[in-house]
Amino acid sequence: MSDLEELKQRVRKLQTRAGTAKMELHDLAEDLPVNWAEITAVAEKTFHAFAELDAAKRELAVSENSQ
């Protein structure tokens, strides 16, 4: 598998992880005030998932543009 294909696969996996984290945050928000103490942990997890996805997308764009 080429580096470009590996990057695309990584982005797809990160998109799935970020989507799952987003839904967890959404579900937590819908259930407020129940489990309000978990907001910070779930929000940080979601933030890091999207930050990692953004970095991978940027890396993929650079890789695609350099070919």
N, C-alpha and C. Protein backbone atom coordinates (compact mmCIF):
# COMPACT_ATOMS: atom_id res chain seq x y z
N MET A 1 0.85 -1.18 0.00
CA MET A 1 0.00 0.00 0.00
C MET A 1 0.89 1.24 0.00
N SER A 2 0.55 2.19 -0.83
CA SER A 2 1.35 3.41 -0.93
C SER A 2 1.12 4.31 0.28
N ASP A 3 2.05 5.24 0.45
CA ASP A 3 1.92 6.20 1.56
C ASP A 3 0.64 7.01 1.44
N LEU A 4 0.28 7.37 0.21
CA LEU A 4 -0.93 8.15 -0.01
C LEU A 4 -2.17 7.34 0.39
N GLU A 5 -2.20 6.09 0.02
CA GLU A 5 -3.33 5.23 0.40
C GLU A 5 -3.40 5.03 1.91
N GLU A 6 -2.25 4.90 2.55
CA GLU A 6 -2.21 4.77 4.00
C GLU A 6 -2.73 6.04 4.67
N LEU A 7 -2.37 7.20 4.13
CA LEU A 7 -2.88 8.47 4.67
C LEU A 7 -4.39 8.57 4.52
N LYS A 8 -4.90 8.17 3.36
CA LYS A 8 -6.34 8.21 3.13
C LYS A 8 -7.06 7.29 4.10
N GLN A 9 -6.50 6.11 4.33
CA GLN A 9 -7.10 5.16 5.27
C GLN A 9 -7.07 5.73 6.69
N ARG A 10 -5.96 6.38 7.04
CA ARG A 10 -5.85 6.99 8.37
C ARG A 10 -6.89 8.09 8.55
N VAL A 11 -7.09 8.91 7.52
CA VAL A 11 -8.09 9.98 7.58
C VAL A 11 -9.48 9.38 7.76
N ARG A 12 -9.80 8.31 7.05
CA ARG A 12 -11.11 7.68 7.19
C ARG A 12 -11.32 7.17 8.61
N LYS A 13 -10.29 6.54 9.19
CA LYS A 13 -10.40 6.04 10.56
C LYS A 13 -10.58 7.18 11.55
N LEU A 14 -9.83 8.27 11.33
CA LEU A 14 -9.95 9.43 12.22
C LEU A 14 -11.30 10.11 12.08
N GLN A 15 -11.86 10.11 10.86
CA GLN A 15 -13.20 10.68 10.67
C GLN A 15 -14.23 9.89 11.46
N THR A 16 -14.08 8.57 11.46
CA THR A 16 -14.99 7.73 12.23
C THR A 16 -14.86 8.01 13.72
N ARG A 17 -13.61 8.09 14.19
CA ARG A 17 -13.38 8.35 15.62
C ARG A 17 -13.91 9.73 16.01
N ALA A 18 -13.70 10.73 15.17
CA ALA A 18 -14.18 12.08 15.46
C ALA A 18 -15.71 12.12 15.46
N GLY A 19 -16.32 11.43 14.53
CA GLY A 19 -17.78 11.37 14.48
C GLY A 19 -18.36 10.72 15.73
N THR A 20 -17.72 9.66 16.19
CA THR A 20 -18.17 8.98 17.40
C THR A 20 -18.03 9.91 18.61
N ALA A 21 -16.91 10.61 18.69
CA ALA A 21 -16.68 11.53 19.80
C ALA A 21 -17.71 12.66 19.78
N LYS A 22 -18.02 13.14 18.58
CA LYS A 22 -19.02 14.20 18.45
C LYS A 22 -20.38 13.73 18.94
N MET A 23 -20.75 12.51 18.61
CA MET A 23 -22.03 11.98 19.05
C MET A 23 -22.07 11.78 20.56
N GLU A 24 -20.94 11.36 21.15
CA GLU A 24 -20.88 11.21 22.61
C GLU A 24 -21.09 12.56 23.29
N LEU A 25 -20.46 13.60 22.74
CA LEU A 25 -20.63 14.94 23.30
C LEU A 25 -22.08 15.41 23.13
N HIS A 26 -22.64 15.15 21.98
CA HIS A 26 -24.03 15.52 21.70
C HIS A 26 -24.98 14.81 22.66
N ASP A 27 -24.78 13.51 22.84
CA ASP A 27 -25.63 12.74 23.75
C ASP A 27 -25.50 13.25 25.19
N LEU A 28 -24.29 13.56 25.58
CA LEU A 28 -24.08 14.10 26.92
C LEU A 28 -24.83 15.43 27.09
N ALA A 29 -24.74 16.28 26.08
CA ALA A 29 -25.42 17.58 26.15
C ALA A 29 -26.93 17.41 26.23
N GLU A 30 -27.47 16.44 25.51
CA GLU A 30 -28.92 16.22 25.54
C GLU A 30 -29.40 15.77 26.91
N ASP A 31 -28.55 15.05 27.65
CA ASP A 31 -28.93 14.50 28.93
C ASP A 31 -28.65 15.42 30.11
N LEU A 32 -28.12 16.61 29.84
CA LEU A 32 -27.83 17.53 30.93
C LEU A 32 -29.08 17.86 31.71
N PRO A 33 -28.99 17.99 33.00
CA PRO A 33 -27.82 18.11 33.84
C PRO A 33 -27.24 16.77 34.33
N VAL A 34 -27.81 15.66 33.91
CA VAL A 34 -27.25 14.36 34.29
C VAL A 34 -25.83 14.25 33.74
N ASN A 35 -24.92 13.75 34.53
CA ASN A 35 -23.52 13.53 34.14
C ASN A 35 -22.79 14.81 33.73
N TRP A 36 -23.21 15.94 34.28
CA TRP A 36 -22.57 17.20 33.90
C TRP A 36 -21.07 17.21 34.20
N ALA A 37 -20.64 16.43 35.18
CA ALA A 37 -19.22 16.42 35.56
C ALA A 37 -18.34 15.78 34.48
N GLU A 38 -18.94 15.09 33.53
CA GLU A 38 -18.18 14.44 32.45
C GLU A 38 -17.94 15.37 31.26
N ILE A 39 -18.50 16.56 31.29
CA ILE A 39 -18.41 17.47 30.15
C ILE A 39 -16.96 17.72 29.74
N THR A 40 -16.11 18.04 30.69
CA THR A 40 -14.71 18.36 30.37
C THR A 40 -14.00 17.19 29.71
N ALA A 41 -14.14 16.01 30.27
CA ALA A 41 -13.45 14.83 29.72
C ALA A 41 -13.94 14.50 28.31
N VAL A 42 -15.25 14.53 28.10
CA VAL A 42 -15.81 14.21 26.79
C VAL A 42 -15.45 15.30 25.78
N ALA A 43 -15.48 16.55 26.21
CA ALA A 43 -15.12 17.65 25.31
C ALA A 43 -13.65 17.58 24.92
N GLU A 44 -12.78 17.26 25.86
CA GLU A 44 -11.35 17.14 25.54
C GLU A 44 -11.11 15.99 24.57
N LYS A 45 -11.78 14.87 24.78
CA LYS A 45 -11.64 13.73 23.87
C LYS A 45 -12.08 14.13 22.46
N THR A 46 -13.21 14.85 22.38
CA THR A 46 -13.72 15.30 21.09
C THR A 46 -12.76 16.30 20.44
N PHE A 47 -12.26 17.23 21.23
CA PHE A 47 -11.31 18.22 20.72
C PHE A 47 -10.07 17.54 20.13
N HIS A 48 -9.51 16.60 20.86
CA HIS A 48 -8.30 15.92 20.40
C HIS A 48 -8.57 15.06 19.15
N ALA A 49 -9.73 14.45 19.09
CA ALA A 49 -10.08 13.65 17.91
C ALA A 49 -10.14 14.54 16.67
N PHE A 50 -10.77 15.70 16.80
CA PHE A 50 -10.87 16.61 15.65
C PHE A 50 -9.54 17.28 15.33
N ALA A 51 -8.72 17.54 16.33
CA ALA A 51 -7.40 18.11 16.07
C ALA A 51 -6.53 17.11 15.30
N GLU A 52 -6.59 15.85 15.69
CA GLU A 52 -5.82 14.82 15.00
C GLU A 52 -6.33 14.63 13.58
N LEU A 53 -7.65 14.67 13.41
CA LEU A 53 -8.24 14.56 12.07
C LEU A 53 -7.80 15.74 11.20
N ASP A 54 -7.83 16.94 11.74
CA ASP A 54 -7.42 18.12 10.98
C ASP A 54 -5.97 18.01 10.53
N ALA A 55 -5.10 17.57 11.43
CA ALA A 55 -3.68 17.42 11.08
C ALA A 55 -3.50 16.37 9.98
N ALA A 56 -4.23 15.29 10.07
CA ALA A 56 -4.12 14.23 9.06
C ALA A 56 -4.64 14.72 7.71
N LYS A 57 -5.72 15.49 7.72
CA LYS A 57 -6.26 16.03 6.46
C LYS A 57 -5.27 16.99 5.82
N ARG A 58 -4.61 17.79 6.64
CA ARG A 58 -3.60 18.72 6.11
C ARG A 58 -2.43 17.95 5.50
N GLU A 59 -2.00 16.91 6.20
CA GLU A 59 -0.91 16.08 5.71
C GLU A 59 -1.30 15.40 4.39
N LEU A 60 -2.53 14.93 4.31
CA LEU A 60 -3.02 14.30 3.08
C LEU A 60 -3.04 15.32 1.94
N ALA A 61 -3.52 16.53 2.21
CA ALA A 61 -3.58 17.56 1.16
C ALA A 61 -2.19 17.89 0.64
N VAL A 62 -1.23 18.00 1.54
CA VAL A 62 0.15 18.28 1.12
C VAL A 62 0.68 17.13 0.26
N SER A 63 0.40 15.93 0.70
CA SER A 63 0.88 14.75 -0.03
C SER A 63 0.24 14.67 -1.42
N GLU A 64 -1.06 14.96 -1.50
CA GLU A 64 -1.74 14.91 -2.80
C GLU A 64 -1.25 16.02 -3.71
N ASN A 65 -0.95 17.19 -3.17
CA ASN A 65 -0.49 18.32 -3.99
C ASN A 65 0.95 18.15 -4.46
N SER A 66 1.72 17.33 -3.77
CA SER A 66 3.11 17.16 -4.15
C SER A 66 3.30 16.10 -5.23
N GLN A 67 2.24 15.43 -5.58
CA GLN A 67 2.37 14.39 -6.62
C GLN A 67 2.12 14.94 -7.99
